[in-house]
Every structure is written in structure tokens, then in C-alpha cells.
């Protein structure tokens, strides 16, 4: 396997973990959560958005290079 394969697997695992956190978060009571300052919340949203965009671009690039878009969309380039 090439290095990009391992990076792709890591990105998929990270994406699955993010989805699980999004699903589980409403089930945690508000009293159990830590208090956060507004500036930290904004900083976290910016950092999360940047990481998400980078992972999305890499996964799109990986699928394009390995021909998965051609397989799923049945288009010829």
C-alpha cells in the first residue's frame, strides 16, 4: 500500500469519529460539560473548519486519482 492509502484510511476513521461525536453530543447532560469561553468556541470552529476542508479536499483527490469517481459516477475522462 502507498502512503496515501494510509492517510486516506486515517481520514475516514477521523470522519467516522466526528460523526459519532455529533450523534452522541446531544445525549450528554449540560451539567457534565465544561464551561467554555466564547473566544475558544470560535477558535475551535475555525480550526475544525480548516481541518474538515483539508480532509475533504484530500479525500476527493484520492478518489479522483484512484478512479473511484469514474466507478461510482460511470463517467469517462
Protein backbone atom coordinates (compact mmCIF):
# COMPACT_ATOMS: atom_id res chain seq x y z
CA UNK A 1 0.00 0.00 0.00
CA UNK A 2 1.13 3.51 -0.77
CA UNK A 3 1.42 6.24 1.89
CA UNK A 4 -1.68 8.00 0.54
CA UNK A 5 -3.69 4.86 1.26
CA UNK A 6 -2.80 5.07 4.94
CA UNK A 7 -3.62 8.79 5.01
CA UNK A 8 -6.98 8.06 3.38
CA UNK A 9 -7.76 5.36 5.96
CA UNK A 10 -6.86 7.80 8.76
CA UNK A 11 -9.14 10.47 7.24
CA UNK A 12 -12.04 8.01 7.01
CA UNK A 13 -11.57 6.94 10.64
CA UNK A 14 -11.39 10.59 11.72
CA UNK A 15 -14.60 11.33 9.79
CA UNK A 16 -16.42 8.40 11.41
CA UNK A 17 -15.30 9.58 14.86
CA UNK A 18 -16.55 13.10 14.09
CA UNK A 19 -19.94 11.72 13.06
CA UNK A 20 -20.14 9.64 16.26
CA UNK A 21 -19.33 12.69 18.41
CA UNK A 22 -22.02 14.67 16.60
CA UNK A 23 -24.55 11.93 17.27
CA UNK A 24 -23.59 11.35 20.94
CA UNK A 25 -23.19 15.04 21.95
CA UNK A 26 -26.94 15.77 22.46
CA UNK A 27 -27.20 12.78 24.82
CA UNK A 28 -24.71 14.25 27.33
CA UNK A 29 -26.34 16.42 30.02
CA UNK A 30 -25.33 20.09 30.06
CA UNK A 31 -24.21 19.83 33.70
CA UNK A 32 -21.50 17.31 32.74
CA UNK A 33 -19.91 19.60 30.15
CA UNK A 34 -17.13 22.08 30.91
CA UNK A 35 -17.71 25.81 30.65
CA UNK A 36 -16.01 27.31 27.58
CA UNK A 37 -15.27 30.92 26.76
CA UNK A 38 -16.77 32.33 23.59
CA UNK A 39 -13.33 33.03 22.06
CA UNK A 40 -12.35 29.36 22.50
CA UNK A 41 -15.54 28.20 20.85
CA UNK A 42 -14.93 30.49 17.85
CA UNK A 43 -11.29 29.35 17.62
CA UNK A 44 -12.39 25.69 17.73
CA UNK A 45 -14.92 26.25 14.97
CA UNK A 46 -12.29 27.87 12.74
CA UNK A 47 -9.75 25.11 13.37
CA UNK A 48 -12.38 22.41 12.84
CA UNK A 49 -13.49 24.01 9.58
CA UNK A 50 -9.93 24.18 8.28
CA UNK A 51 -9.25 20.55 9.20
CA UNK A 52 -12.54 19.47 7.62
CA UNK A 53 -11.80 21.31 4.38
CA UNK A 54 -8.29 19.82 4.16
CA UNK A 55 -9.58 16.29 4.79
CA UNK A 56 -12.41 16.76 2.28
CA UNK A 57 -10.03 18.00 -0.42
CA UNK A 58 -7.62 15.12 0.22
CA UNK A 59 -10.39 12.51 0.12
CA UNK A 60 -11.75 13.99 -3.12
CA UNK A 61 -8.25 13.99 -4.62
CA UNK A 62 -7.68 10.38 -3.52
CA UNK A 63 -10.97 9.20 -5.02
CA UNK A 64 -10.26 11.08 -8.26
CA UNK A 65 -6.72 9.73 -8.66
CA UNK A 66 -7.70 6.12 -7.92
CA UNK A 67 -10.68 6.23 -10.26
CA UNK A 68 -13.45 5.81 -7.68
CA UNK A 69 -15.40 8.74 -9.13
CA UNK A 70 -15.36 7.04 -12.53
CA UNK A 71 -16.58 3.82 -10.92
CA UNK A 72 -19.42 5.38 -8.94
CA UNK A 73 -20.50 8.05 -11.41
CA UNK A 74 -19.80 5.93 -14.50
CA UNK A 75 -18.17 8.82 -16.42
CA UNK A 76 -15.19 8.71 -18.72
CA UNK A 77 -12.49 11.32 -18.55
